[in-house]
PDB file of N, CA and C in Angstrom:
ATOM      1  N   UNK A   1      83.854 124.131 136.940  1.00  0.00           N
ATOM      2  CA  UNK A   1      85.030 123.439 136.665  1.00  0.00           C
ATOM      3  C   UNK A   1      85.428 124.146 135.279  1.00  0.00           C
ATOM      4  N   UNK A   2      86.841 124.302 135.287  1.00  0.00           N
ATOM      5  CA  UNK A   2      87.505 125.001 134.191  1.00  0.00           C
ATOM      6  C   UNK A   2      87.484 124.146 132.847  1.00  0.00           C
ATOM      7  N   UNK A   3      87.282 124.704 131.724  1.00  0.00           N
ATOM      8  CA  UNK A   3      87.362 124.023 130.416  1.00  0.00           C
ATOM      9  C   UNK A   3      88.788 123.654 130.207  1.00  0.00           C
ATOM     10  N   UNK A   4      88.871 122.438 129.584  1.00  0.00           N
ATOM     11  CA  UNK A   4      90.301 121.955 129.224  1.00  0.00           C
ATOM     12  C   UNK A   4      90.629 122.196 127.746  1.00  0.00           C
ATOM     13  N   UNK A   5      91.680 122.853 127.491  1.00  0.00           N
ATOM     14  CA  UNK A   5      92.215 123.152 126.230  1.00  0.00           C
ATOM     15  C   UNK A   5      93.569 122.346 125.949  1.00  0.00           C
ATOM     16  N   UNK A   6      93.557 121.656 124.958  1.00  0.00           N
ATOM     17  CA  UNK A   6      94.808 120.976 124.519  1.00  0.00           C
ATOM     18  C   UNK A   6      95.496 121.789 123.360  1.00  0.00           C
ATOM     19  N   UNK A   7      96.660 122.185 123.752  1.00  0.00           N
ATOM     20  CA  UNK A   7      97.605 122.981 122.847  1.00  0.00           C
ATOM     21  C   UNK A   7      98.667 122.046 122.208  1.00  0.00           C
ATOM     22  N   UNK A   8      98.735 121.841 120.932  1.00  0.00           N
ATOM     23  CA  UNK A   8      99.719 120.996 120.251  1.00  0.00           C
ATOM     24  C   UNK A   8     100.585 121.895 119.434  1.00  0.00           C
ATOM     25  N   UNK A   9     101.834 121.974 119.931  1.00  0.00           N
ATOM     26  CA  UNK A   9     102.781 122.911 119.293  1.00  0.00           C
ATOM     27  C   UNK A   9     104.159 122.379 119.481  1.00  0.00           C
ATOM     28  N   UNK A  10     105.012 122.203 118.540  1.00  0.00           N
ATOM     29  CA  UNK A  10     106.297 121.754 118.681  1.00  0.00           C
ATOM     30  C   UNK A  10     107.386 122.897 118.914  1.00  0.00           C
ATOM     31  N   UNK A  11     107.032 124.114 118.855  1.00  0.00           N
ATOM     32  CA  UNK A  11     108.036 125.175 119.145  1.00  0.00           C
ATOM     33  C   UNK A  11     107.869 125.675 120.553  1.00  0.00           C
ATOM     34  N   UNK A  12     108.801 125.354 121.384  1.00  0.00           N
ATOM     35  CA  UNK A  12     108.699 125.643 122.897  1.00  0.00           C
ATOM     36  C   UNK A  12     108.278 126.917 123.295  1.00  0.00           C
ATOM     37  N   UNK A  13     108.769 127.945 122.592  1.00  0.00           N
ATOM     38  CA  UNK A  13     108.411 129.317 123.107  1.00  0.00           C
ATOM     39  C   UNK A  13     106.894 129.602 122.813  1.00  0.00           C
ATOM     40  N   UNK A  14     106.474 129.209 121.685  1.00  0.00           N
ATOM     41  CA  UNK A  14     104.984 129.416 121.204  1.00  0.00           C
ATOM     42  C   UNK A  14     104.199 128.542 122.152  1.00  0.00           C
ATOM     43  N   UNK A  15     104.603 127.369 122.425  1.00  0.00           N
ATOM     44  CA  UNK A  15     103.792 126.440 123.324  1.00  0.00           C
ATOM     45  C   UNK A  15     103.603 127.132 124.664  1.00  0.00           C
ATOM     46  N   UNK A  16     104.732 127.542 125.283  1.00  0.00           N
ATOM     47  CA  UNK A  16     104.601 128.089 126.580  1.00  0.00           C
ATOM     48  C   UNK A  16     103.798 129.429 126.532  1.00  0.00           C
ATOM     49  N   UNK A  17     103.931 130.239 125.486  1.00  0.00           N
ATOM     50  CA  UNK A  17     103.254 131.460 125.366  1.00  0.00           C
ATOM     51  C   UNK A  17     101.651 131.169 125.373  1.00  0.00           C
ATOM     52  N   UNK A  18     101.396 130.299 124.580  1.00  0.00           N
ATOM     53  CA  UNK A  18      99.885 129.915 124.490  1.00  0.00           C
ATOM     54  C   UNK A  18      99.304 129.279 125.859  1.00  0.00           C
ATOM     55  N   UNK A  19     100.168 128.485 126.422  1.00  0.00           N
ATOM     56  CA  UNK A  19      99.801 127.801 127.600  1.00  0.00           C
ATOM     57  C   UNK A  19      99.512 128.897 128.726  1.00  0.00           C
ATOM     58  N   UNK A  20     100.477 129.811 128.870  1.00  0.00           N
ATOM     59  CA  UNK A  20     100.262 130.836 129.856  1.00  0.00           C
ATOM     60  C   UNK A  20      99.090 131.753 129.540  1.00  0.00           C
ATOM     61  N   UNK A  21      98.902 132.033 128.178  1.00  0.00           N
ATOM     62  CA  UNK A  21      97.742 132.877 127.895  1.00  0.00           C
ATOM     63  C   UNK A  21      96.485 132.208 128.181  1.00  0.00           C
ATOM     64  N   UNK A  22      96.155 130.875 128.008  1.00  0.00           N
ATOM     65  CA  UNK A  22      95.000 130.337 128.329  1.00  0.00           C
ATOM     66  C   UNK A  22      94.942 130.079 129.783  1.00  0.00           C
ATOM     67  N   UNK A  23      95.862 129.831 130.540  1.00  0.00           N
ATOM     68  CA  UNK A  23      95.860 129.615 131.885  1.00  0.00           C
ATOM     69  C   UNK A  23      95.418 130.924 132.665  1.00  0.00           C
ATOM     70  N   UNK A  24      95.934 131.941 132.181  1.00  0.00           N
ATOM     71  CA  UNK A  24      95.625 133.435 132.701  1.00  0.00           C
ATOM     72  C   UNK A  24      94.153 133.650 132.566  1.00  0.00           C
ATOM     73  N   UNK A  25      93.572 133.137 131.555  1.00  0.00           N
ATOM     74  CA  UNK A  25      92.037 133.212 131.126  1.00  0.00           C
ATOM     75  C   UNK A  25      91.323 132.294 132.028  1.00  0.00           C
ATOM     76  N   UNK A  26      91.919 131.406 132.758  1.00  0.00           N
ATOM     77  CA  UNK A  26      91.095 130.566 133.647  1.00  0.00           C
ATOM     78  C   UNK A  26      90.952 129.037 133.161  1.00  0.00           C
ATOM     79  N   UNK A  27      91.545 128.672 132.045  1.00  0.00           N
ATOM     80  CA  UNK A  27      91.405 127.481 131.331  1.00  0.00           C
ATOM     81  C   UNK A  27      92.367 126.468 132.031  1.00  0.00           C
ATOM     82  N   UNK A  28      91.998 125.109 132.137  1.00  0.00           N
ATOM     83  CA  UNK A  28      92.985 124.035 132.313  1.00  0.00           C
ATOM     84  C   UNK A  28      93.658 123.795 131.144  1.00  0.00           C
ATOM     85  N   UNK A  29      94.893 123.769 131.051  1.00  0.00           N
ATOM     86  CA  UNK A  29      95.675 123.569 129.778  1.00  0.00           C
ATOM     87  C   UNK A  29      96.529 122.285 129.856  1.00  0.00           C
ATOM     88  N   UNK A  30      96.269 121.532 128.791  1.00  0.00           N
ATOM     89  CA  UNK A  30      97.131 120.298 128.627  1.00  0.00           C
ATOM     90  C   UNK A  30      97.935 120.609 127.292  1.00  0.00           C
ATOM     91  N   UNK A  31      99.143 120.169 127.266  1.00  0.00           N
ATOM     92  CA  UNK A  31      99.989 120.407 126.075  1.00  0.00           C
ATOM     93  C   UNK A  31     100.572 119.063 125.546  1.00  0.00           C
ATOM     94  N   UNK A  32     100.979 119.272 124.271  1.00  0.00           N
ATOM     95  CA  UNK A  32     101.651 118.135 123.506  1.00  0.00           C
ATOM     96  C   UNK A  32     102.659 118.820 122.506  1.00  0.00           C
ATOM     97  N   UNK A  33     103.762 118.181 122.331  1.00  0.00           N
ATOM     98  CA  UNK A  33     104.765 118.754 121.389  1.00  0.00           C
ATOM     99  C   UNK A  33     104.984 117.987 120.183  1.00  0.00           C
ATOM    100  N   UNK A  34     104.139 116.958 119.987  1.00  0.00           N
ATOM    101  CA  UNK A  34     104.177 116.167 118.757  1.00  0.00           C
ATOM    102  C   UNK A  34     102.870 115.379 118.530  1.00  0.00           C
ATOM    103  N   UNK A  35     102.609 114.926 117.385  1.00  0.00           N
ATOM    104  CA  UNK A  35     101.260 114.247 117.086  1.00  0.00           C
ATOM    105  C   UNK A  35     101.002 113.055 117.879  1.00  0.00           C
ATOM    106  N   UNK A  36     102.039 112.293 118.166  1.00  0.00           N
ATOM    107  CA  UNK A  36     101.739 111.026 118.961  1.00  0.00           C
ATOM    108  C   UNK A  36     101.283 111.377 120.356  1.00  0.00           C
ATOM    109  N   UNK A  37     102.080 112.307 121.033  1.00  0.00           N
ATOM    110  CA  UNK A  37     101.688 112.687 122.357  1.00  0.00           C
ATOM    111  C   UNK A  37     100.278 113.418 122.360  1.00  0.00           C
ATOM    112  N   UNK A  38      99.994 114.115 121.260  1.00  0.00           N
ATOM    113  CA  UNK A  38      98.738 114.747 121.211  1.00  0.00           C
ATOM    114  C   UNK A  38      97.489 113.821 121.282  1.00  0.00           C
ATOM    115  N   UNK A  39      97.648 112.762 120.495  1.00  0.00           N
ATOM    116  CA  UNK A  39      96.650 111.598 120.488  1.00  0.00           C
ATOM    117  C   UNK A  39      96.425 110.976 121.831  1.00  0.00           C
ATOM    118  N   UNK A  40      97.618 110.783 122.576  1.00  0.00           N
ATOM    119  CA  UNK A  40      97.507 110.320 123.945  1.00  0.00           C
ATOM    120  C   UNK A  40      96.817 111.348 124.906  1.00  0.00           C
ATOM    121  N   UNK A  41      97.071 112.498 124.665  1.00  0.00           N
ATOM    122  CA  UNK A  41      96.471 113.603 125.476  1.00  0.00           C
ATOM    123  C   UNK A  41      94.954 113.612 125.202  1.00  0.00           C
ATOM    124  N   UNK A  42      94.595 113.502 124.018  1.00  0.00           N
ATOM    125  CA  UNK A  42      93.136 113.560 123.643  1.00  0.00           C
ATOM    126  C   UNK A  42      92.373 112.420 124.283  1.00  0.00           C
ATOM    127  N   UNK A  43      93.044 111.219 124.260  1.00  0.00           N
ATOM    128  CA  UNK A  43      92.383 109.995 124.825  1.00  0.00           C
ATOM    129  C   UNK A  43      92.352 110.219 126.405  1.00  0.00           C
ATOM    130  N   UNK A  44      93.359 110.678 126.924  1.00  0.00           N
ATOM    131  CA  UNK A  44      93.502 110.755 128.448  1.00  0.00           C
ATOM    132  C   UNK A  44      92.578 111.878 129.009  1.00  0.00           C
ATOM    133  N   UNK A  45      92.616 113.009 128.496  1.00  0.00           N
ATOM    134  CA  UNK A  45      91.992 114.253 129.089  1.00  0.00           C
ATOM    135  C   UNK A  45      90.596 114.658 128.368  1.00  0.00           C
ATOM    136  N   UNK A  46      90.235 114.093 127.101  1.00  0.00           N
ATOM    137  CA  UNK A  46      89.046 114.595 126.472  1.00  0.00           C
ATOM    138  C   UNK A  46      88.935 116.094 126.605  1.00  0.00           C
ATOM    139  N   UNK A  47      89.794 116.829 125.917  1.00  0.00           N
ATOM    140  CA  UNK A  47      89.755 118.302 125.972  1.00  0.00           C
ATOM    141  C   UNK A  47      88.440 118.902 125.476  1.00  0.00           C
ATOM    142  N   UNK A  48      88.119 120.072 125.883  1.00  0.00           N
ATOM    143  CA  UNK A  48      86.912 120.771 125.459  1.00  0.00           C
ATOM    144  C   UNK A  48      87.212 121.477 124.217  1.00  0.00           C
ATOM    145  N   UNK A  49      88.502 121.644 123.900  1.00  0.00           N
ATOM    146  CA  UNK A  49      88.960 122.416 122.652  1.00  0.00           C
ATOM    147  C   UNK A  49      90.357 121.983 122.349  1.00  0.00           C
ATOM    148  N   UNK A  50      90.663 121.903 121.004  1.00  0.00           N
ATOM    149  CA  UNK A  50      92.061 121.633 120.638  1.00  0.00           C
ATOM    150  C   UNK A  50      92.611 122.745 119.797  1.00  0.00           C
ATOM    151  N   UNK A  51      93.824 123.255 120.047  1.00  0.00           N
ATOM    152  CA  UNK A  51      94.565 124.079 119.186  1.00  0.00           C
ATOM    153  C   UNK A  51      95.717 123.377 118.687  1.00  0.00           C
ATOM    154  N   UNK A  52      95.845 123.250 117.343  1.00  0.00           N
ATOM    155  CA  UNK A  52      97.037 122.479 116.862  1.00  0.00           C
ATOM    156  C   UNK A  52      97.848 123.274 115.746  1.00  0.00           C
ATOM    157  N   UNK A  53      99.117 123.099 115.721  1.00  0.00           N
ATOM    158  CA  UNK A  53      99.880 123.520 114.619  1.00  0.00           C
ATOM    159  C   UNK A  53      99.708 122.335 113.541  1.00  0.00           C
ATOM    160  N   UNK A  54     100.148 122.743 112.277  1.00  0.00           N
ATOM    161  CA  UNK A  54     100.040 121.626 111.223  1.00  0.00           C
ATOM    162  C   UNK A  54     101.416 120.835 111.208  1.00  0.00           C
ATOM    163  N   UNK A  55     102.482 121.592 111.095  1.00  0.00           N
ATOM    164  CA  UNK A  55     103.762 120.914 110.908  1.00  0.00           C
ATOM    165  C   UNK A  55     104.347 120.512 112.269  1.00  0.00           C
ATOM    166  N   UNK A  56     104.376 119.230 112.466  1.00  0.00           N
ATOM    167  CA  UNK A  56     104.865 118.637 113.749  1.00  0.00           C
ATOM    168  C   UNK A  56     105.492 117.289 113.537  1.00  0.00           C
ATOM    169  N   UNK A  57     106.240 116.798 114.509  1.00  0.00           N
ATOM    170  CA  UNK A  57     106.850 115.528 114.448  1.00  0.00           C
ATOM    171  C   UNK A  57     105.864 114.413 114.668  1.00  0.00           C
ATOM    172  N   UNK A  58     106.075 113.256 114.090  1.00  0.00           N
ATOM    173  CA  UNK A  58     105.232 111.969 114.245  1.00  0.00           C
ATOM    174  C   UNK A  58     104.003 111.948 113.402  1.00  0.00           C
ATOM    175  N   UNK A  59     103.081 113.043 113.755  1.00  0.00           N
ATOM    176  CA  UNK A  59     101.781 113.096 113.137  1.00  0.00           C
ATOM    177  C   UNK A  59     101.559 114.606 112.757  1.00  0.00           C
ATOM    178  N   UNK A  60     101.344 115.007 111.638  1.00  0.00           N
ATOM    179  CA  UNK A  60     100.975 116.389 111.409  1.00  0.00           C
ATOM    180  C   UNK A  60      99.617 116.747 111.926  1.00  0.00           C
ATOM    181  N   UNK A  61      99.304 118.083 112.098  1.00  0.00           N
ATOM    182  CA  UNK A  61      98.085 118.466 112.546  1.00  0.00           C
ATOM    183  C   UNK A  61      96.914 117.934 111.717  1.00  0.00           C
ATOM    184  N   UNK A  62      96.983 117.841 110.453  1.00  0.00           N
ATOM    185  CA  UNK A  62      95.983 117.249 109.622  1.00  0.00           C
ATOM    186  C   UNK A  62      95.607 115.879 110.082  1.00  0.00           C
ATOM    187  N   UNK A  63      96.559 115.061 110.351  1.00  0.00           N
ATOM    188  CA  UNK A  63      96.279 113.706 110.800  1.00  0.00           C
ATOM    189  C   UNK A  63      95.527 113.628 112.173  1.00  0.00           C
ATOM    190  N   UNK A  64      95.977 114.527 113.018  1.00  0.00           N
ATOM    191  CA  UNK A  64      95.420 114.636 114.352  1.00  0.00           C
ATOM    192  C   UNK A  64      93.904 114.981 114.175  1.00  0.00           C
ATOM    193  N   UNK A  65      93.557 115.957 113.275  1.00  0.00           N
ATOM    194  CA  UNK A  65      92.100 116.231 113.066  1.00  0.00           C
ATOM    195  C   UNK A  65      91.404 115.065 112.481  1.00  0.00           C
ATOM    196  N   UNK A  66      91.993 114.391 111.556  1.00  0.00           N
ATOM    197  CA  UNK A  66      91.353 113.198 110.877  1.00  0.00           C
ATOM    198  C   UNK A  66      91.040 112.119 111.883  1.00  0.00           C
ATOM    199  N   UNK A  67      92.032 111.769 112.716  1.00  0.00           N
ATOM    200  CA  UNK A  67      91.965 110.770 113.801  1.00  0.00           C
ATOM    201  C   UNK A  67      90.943 111.127 114.722  1.00  0.00           C
ATOM    202  N   UNK A  68      90.884 112.486 115.261  1.00  0.00           N
ATOM    203  CA  UNK A  68      89.893 112.877 116.225  1.00  0.00           C
ATOM    204  C   UNK A  68      88.506 112.792 115.576  1.00  0.00           C
ATOM    205  N   UNK A  69      88.209 113.164 114.421  1.00  0.00           N
ATOM    206  CA  UNK A  69      87.003 113.076 113.798  1.00  0.00           C
ATOM    207  C   UNK A  69      86.474 111.779 113.349  1.00  0.00           C
ATOM    208  N   UNK A  70      87.456 110.867 112.872  1.00  0.00           N
ATOM    209  CA  UNK A  70      87.077 109.642 112.155  1.00  0.00           C
ATOM    210  C   UNK A  70      87.304 108.406 113.178  1.00  0.00           C
ATOM    211  N   UNK A  71      88.568 108.325 113.570  1.00  0.00           N
ATOM    212  CA  UNK A  71      88.988 107.210 114.451  1.00  0.00           C
ATOM    213  C   UNK A  71      88.267 107.235 115.795  1.00  0.00           C
ATOM    214  N   UNK A  72      88.319 108.396 116.471  1.00  0.00           N
ATOM    215  CA  UNK A  72      87.707 108.601 117.686  1.00  0.00           C
ATOM    216  C   UNK A  72      86.216 108.972 117.705  1.00  0.00           C
ATOM    217  N   UNK A  73      85.682 109.208 116.445  1.00  0.00           N
ATOM    218  CA  UNK A  73      84.314 109.599 116.252  1.00  0.00           C
ATOM    219  C   UNK A  73      83.829 110.788 117.051  1.00  0.00           C
ATOM    220  N   UNK A  74      84.799 111.812 117.146  1.00  0.00           N
ATOM    221  CA  UNK A  74      84.570 112.953 117.910  1.00  0.00           C
ATOM    222  C   UNK A  74      84.289 114.179 117.004  1.00  0.00           C
ATOM    223  N   UNK A  75      83.047 114.571 116.801  1.00  0.00           N
ATOM    224  CA  UNK A  75      82.620 115.522 115.933  1.00  0.00           C
ATOM    225  C   UNK A  75      82.388 116.881 116.583  1.00  0.00           C
ATOM    226  N   UNK A  76      82.310 116.806 118.000  1.00  0.00           N
ATOM    227  CA  UNK A  76      81.922 118.115 118.684  1.00  0.00           C
ATOM    228  C   UNK A  76      83.023 118.978 119.207  1.00  0.00           C
ATOM    229  N   UNK A  77      84.210 118.363 119.579  1.00  0.00           N
ATOM    230  CA  UNK A  77      85.300 119.094 120.054  1.00  0.00           C
ATOM    231  C   UNK A  77      85.874 120.048 119.073  1.00  0.00           C
ATOM    232  N   UNK A  78      85.902 121.452 119.375  1.00  0.00           N
ATOM    233  CA  UNK A  78      86.313 122.373 118.394  1.00  0.00           C
ATOM    234  C   UNK A  78      87.737 122.272 118.223  1.00  0.00           C
ATOM    235  N   UNK A  79      88.206 122.431 117.036  1.00  0.00           N
ATOM    236  CA  UNK A  79      89.657 122.345 116.614  1.00  0.00           C
ATOM    237  C   UNK A  79      90.038 123.587 115.897  1.00  0.00           C
ATOM    238  N   UNK A  80      91.066 124.380 116.383  1.00  0.00           N
ATOM    239  CA  UNK A  80      91.537 125.520 115.740  1.00  0.00           C
ATOM    240  C   UNK A  80      93.035 125.243 115.321  1.00  0.00           C
ATOM    241  N   UNK A  81      93.174 125.394 114.047  1.00  0.00           N
ATOM    242  CA  UNK A  81      94.437 125.180 113.469  1.00  0.00           C
ATOM    243  C   UNK A  81      95.286 126.492 113.468  1.00  0.00           C
ATOM    244  N   UNK A  82      96.560 126.380 113.777  1.00  0.00           N
ATOM    245  CA  UNK A  82      97.380 127.563 113.663  1.00  0.00           C
ATOM    246  C   UNK A  82      98.610 127.196 112.780  1.00  0.00           C
ATOM    247  N   UNK A  83      99.011 127.948 111.849  1.00  0.00           N
ATOM    248  CA  UNK A  83     100.030 127.582 110.950  1.00  0.00           C
ATOM    249  C   UNK A  83     100.679 128.810 110.277  1.00  0.00           C
ATOM    250  N   UNK A  84     102.001 128.602 110.017  1.00  0.00           N
ATOM    251  CA  UNK A  84     102.642 129.587 109.227  1.00  0.00           C
ATOM    252  C   UNK A  84     102.728 129.316 107.754  1.00  0.00           C
ATOM    253  N   UNK A  85     102.196 128.119 107.383  1.00  0.00           N
ATOM    254  CA  UNK A  85     102.109 127.725 105.944  1.00  0.00           C
ATOM    255  C   UNK A  85     101.035 128.531 105.371  1.00  0.00           C
ATOM    256  N   UNK A  86     101.452 129.181 104.278  1.00  0.00           N
ATOM    257  CA  UNK A  86     100.452 130.055 103.512  1.00  0.00           C
ATOM    258  C   UNK A  86      99.844 129.503 102.307  1.00  0.00           C
ATOM    259  N   UNK A  87      99.343 128.332 102.374  1.00  0.00           N
ATOM    260  CA  UNK A  87      98.822 127.750 101.205  1.00  0.00           C
ATOM    261  C   UNK A  87      97.250 127.601 101.328  1.00  0.00           C
ATOM    262  N   UNK A  88      96.578 128.019 100.278  1.00  0.00           N
ATOM    263  CA  UNK A  88      95.068 128.052 100.298  1.00  0.00           C
ATOM    264  C   UNK A  88      94.627 126.529 100.382  1.00  0.00           C
ATOM    265  N   UNK A  89      95.391 125.506  99.739  1.00  0.00           N
ATOM    266  CA  UNK A  89      95.109 124.268  99.718  1.00  0.00           C
ATOM    267  C   UNK A  89      95.135 123.634 101.125  1.00  0.00           C
ATOM    268  N   UNK A  90      96.007 124.143 102.031  1.00  0.00           N
ATOM    269  CA  UNK A  90      96.124 123.763 103.332  1.00  0.00           C
ATOM    270  C   UNK A  90      94.875 124.059 104.118  1.00  0.00           C
ATOM    271  N   UNK A  91      94.400 125.365 103.984  1.00  0.00           N
ATOM    272  CA  UNK A  91      93.244 125.896 104.569  1.00  0.00           C
ATOM    273  C   UNK A  91      92.026 125.037 104.237  1.00  0.00           C
ATOM    274  N   UNK A  92      91.949 124.733 102.934  1.00  0.00           N
ATOM    275  CA  UNK A  92      90.743 123.803 102.417  1.00  0.00           C
ATOM    276  C   UNK A  92      90.844 122.551 103.076  1.00  0.00           C
ATOM    277  N   UNK A  93      92.102 121.924 103.081  1.00  0.00           N
ATOM    278  CA  UNK A  93      92.230 120.614 103.639  1.00  0.00           C
ATOM    279  C   UNK A  93      91.808 120.498 105.138  1.00  0.00           C
ATOM    280  N   UNK A  94      92.166 121.484 105.874  1.00  0.00           N
ATOM    281  CA  UNK A  94      91.974 121.327 107.377  1.00  0.00           C
ATOM    282  C   UNK A  94      90.449 121.497 107.679  1.00  0.00           C
ATOM    283  N   UNK A  95      89.795 122.422 106.865  1.00  0.00           N
ATOM    284  CA  UNK A  95      88.405 122.552 107.013  1.00  0.00           C
ATOM    285  C   UNK A  95      87.651 121.228 106.426  1.00  0.00           C
ATOM    286  N   UNK A  96      88.116 120.741 105.432  1.00  0.00           N
ATOM    287  CA  UNK A  96      87.560 119.472 104.836  1.00  0.00           C
ATOM    288  C   UNK A  96      87.626 118.276 105.925  1.00  0.00           C
ATOM    289  N   UNK A  97      88.704 118.314 106.600  1.00  0.00           N
ATOM    290  CA  UNK A  97      88.937 117.222 107.633  1.00  0.00           C
ATOM    291  C   UNK A  97      88.131 117.405 108.878  1.00  0.00           C
ATOM    292  N   UNK A  98      87.635 118.665 109.078  1.00  0.00           N
ATOM    293  CA  UNK A  98      86.776 118.938 110.285  1.00  0.00           C
ATOM    294  C   UNK A  98      87.203 119.956 111.208  1.00  0.00           C
ATOM    295  N   UNK A  99      88.192 120.723 110.834  1.00  0.00           N
ATOM    296  CA  UNK A  99      88.679 121.776 111.731  1.00  0.00           C
ATOM    297  C   UNK A  99      87.520 122.883 111.732  1.00  0.00           C
ATOM    298  N   UNK A 100      87.412 123.647 112.787  1.00  0.00           N
ATOM    299  CA  UNK A 100      86.412 124.611 113.069  1.00  0.00           C
ATOM    300  C   UNK A 100      87.001 126.051 112.660  1.00  0.00           C
ATOM    301  N   UNK A 101      88.384 126.159 112.795  1.00  0.00           N
ATOM    302  CA  UNK A 101      88.855 127.514 112.484  1.00  0.00           C
ATOM    303  C   UNK A 101      90.356 127.388 112.151  1.00  0.00           C
ATOM    304  N   UNK A 102      90.906 128.426 111.393  1.00  0.00           N
ATOM    305  CA  UNK A 102      92.260 128.469 110.918  1.00  0.00           C
ATOM    306  C   UNK A 102      92.922 129.753 111.138  1.00  0.00           C
ATOM    307  N   UNK A 103      93.979 129.973 111.811  1.00  0.00           N
ATOM    308  CA  UNK A 103      94.581 131.205 112.174  1.00  0.00           C
ATOM    309  C   UNK A 103      96.094 131.120 111.567  1.00  0.00           C
ATOM    310  N   UNK A 104      96.419 132.057 110.741  1.00  0.00           N
ATOM    311  CA  UNK A 104      97.830 132.116 110.273  1.00  0.00           C
ATOM    312  C   UNK A 104      98.734 132.725 111.353  1.00  0.00           C
ATOM    313  N   UNK A 105      99.970 132.057 111.445  1.00  0.00           N
ATOM    314  CA  UNK A 105     100.948 132.620 112.314  1.00  0.00           C
ATOM    315  C   UNK A 105     101.609 133.879 111.559  1.00  0.00           C
ATOM    316  N   UNK A 106     102.126 134.882 112.245  1.00  0.00           N
ATOM    317  CA  UNK A 106     102.061 135.045 113.736  1.00  0.00           C
ATOM    318  C   UNK A 106     100.672 135.313 114.173  1.00  0.00           C
ATOM    319  N   UNK A 107     100.234 134.714 115.295  1.00  0.00           N
ATOM    320  CA  UNK A 107      98.954 134.903 115.732  1.00  0.00           C
ATOM    321  C   UNK A 107      98.845 136.125 116.665  1.00  0.00           C
ATOM    322  N   UNK A 108      97.588 136.590 116.768  1.00  0.00           N
ATOM    323  CA  UNK A 108      97.401 137.791 117.662  1.00  0.00           C
ATOM    324  C   UNK A 108      96.636 137.011 118.876  1.00  0.00           C
ATOM    325  N   UNK A 109      97.283 137.064 120.043  1.00  0.00           N
ATOM    326  CA  UNK A 109      96.772 136.243 121.130  1.00  0.00           C
ATOM    327  C   UNK A 109      95.405 136.515 121.492  1.00  0.00           C
ATOM    328  N   UNK A 110      94.871 137.689 121.517  1.00  0.00           N
ATOM    329  CA  UNK A 110      93.535 138.092 121.810  1.00  0.00           C
ATOM    330  C   UNK A 110      92.573 137.626 120.873  1.00  0.00           C
ATOM    331  N   UNK A 111      92.986 137.464 119.677  1.00  0.00           N
ATOM    332  CA  UNK A 111      92.177 136.930 118.646  1.00  0.00           C
ATOM    333  C   UNK A 111      91.934 135.361 118.738  1.00  0.00           C
ATOM    334  N   UNK A 112      93.101 134.723 119.098  1.00  0.00           N
ATOM    335  CA  UNK A 112      92.993 133.259 119.318  1.00  0.00           C
ATOM    336  C   UNK A 112      92.106 132.962 120.448  1.00  0.00           C
ATOM    337  N   UNK A 113      92.231 133.643 121.562  1.00  0.00           N
ATOM    338  CA  UNK A 113      91.282 133.530 122.694  1.00  0.00           C
ATOM    339  C   UNK A 113      89.916 133.728 122.383  1.00  0.00           C
ATOM    340  N   UNK A 114      89.616 134.757 121.641  1.00  0.00           N
ATOM    341  CA  UNK A 114      88.281 135.140 121.275  1.00  0.00           C
ATOM    342  C   UNK A 114      87.799 134.008 120.354  1.00  0.00           C
ATOM    343  N   UNK A 115      88.417 133.471 119.486  1.00  0.00           N
ATOM    344  CA  UNK A 115      87.862 132.505 118.607  1.00  0.00           C
ATOM    345  C   UNK A 115      87.635 131.223 119.222  1.00  0.00           C
ATOM    346  N   UNK A 116      88.517 130.817 120.101  1.00  0.00           N
ATOM    347  CA  UNK A 116      88.361 129.570 120.915  1.00  0.00           C
ATOM    348  C   UNK A 116      87.108 129.733 121.852  1.00  0.00           C
ATOM    349  N   UNK A 117      86.975 130.843 122.470  1.00  0.00           N
ATOM    350  CA  UNK A 117      85.858 131.053 123.392  1.00  0.00           C
ATOM    351  C   UNK A 117      84.542 131.050 122.595  1.00  0.00           C
ATOM    352  N   UNK A 118      84.492 131.650 121.538  1.00  0.00           N
ATOM    353  CA  UNK A 118      83.261 131.572 120.567  1.00  0.00           C
ATOM    354  C   UNK A 118      82.985 130.227 120.296  1.00  0.00           C
ATOM    355  N   UNK A 119      83.886 129.341 119.910  1.00  0.00           N
ATOM    356  CA  UNK A 119      83.620 128.029 119.644  1.00  0.00           C
ATOM    357  C   UNK A 119      83.167 127.063 120.861  1.00  0.00           C
ATOM    358  N   UNK A 120      83.715 127.513 122.048  1.00  0.00           N
ATOM    359  CA  UNK A 120      83.205 126.806 123.096  1.00  0.00           C
ATOM    360  C   UNK A 120      81.824 127.059 123.653  1.00  0.00           C
ATOM    361  N   UNK A 121      81.342 128.195 123.281  1.00  0.00           N
ATOM    362  CA  UNK A 121      79.929 128.562 123.671  1.00  0.00           C
ATOM    363  C   UNK A 121      78.936 128.236 122.527  1.00  0.00           C
ATOM    364  N   UNK A 122      79.479 127.864 121.361  1.00  0.00           N
ATOM    365  CA  UNK A 122      78.419 127.614 120.286  1.00  0.00           C
ATOM    366  C   UNK A 122      78.129 126.102 120.169  1.00  0.00           C
TER     367      UNK A 122
END
């Protein structure tokens, strides 16, 4: 059975690009375009990994991580944050909330896939 990846991104071209990238690698992909939808998808599909942008409508990526880790008591699902925000304080915050990795945009697709795959096997 294919591993499920939830990709949370509000920019349509980036979302479609990432979705196709992971589908091509054999993953089942679920998407969300805002934080509210993301929480619904997490509850519905219990993804094996989450890739999230930070700046999004309704709930930012930081709040999604916090809710996943604390409200849903899910410490094991790997979370990779992607963001164009270049603040060290943001990087520190997402790791403090429980993210497993952080990649600055623009992302290198092969790097993102490699990092997610590494987290899925650890």
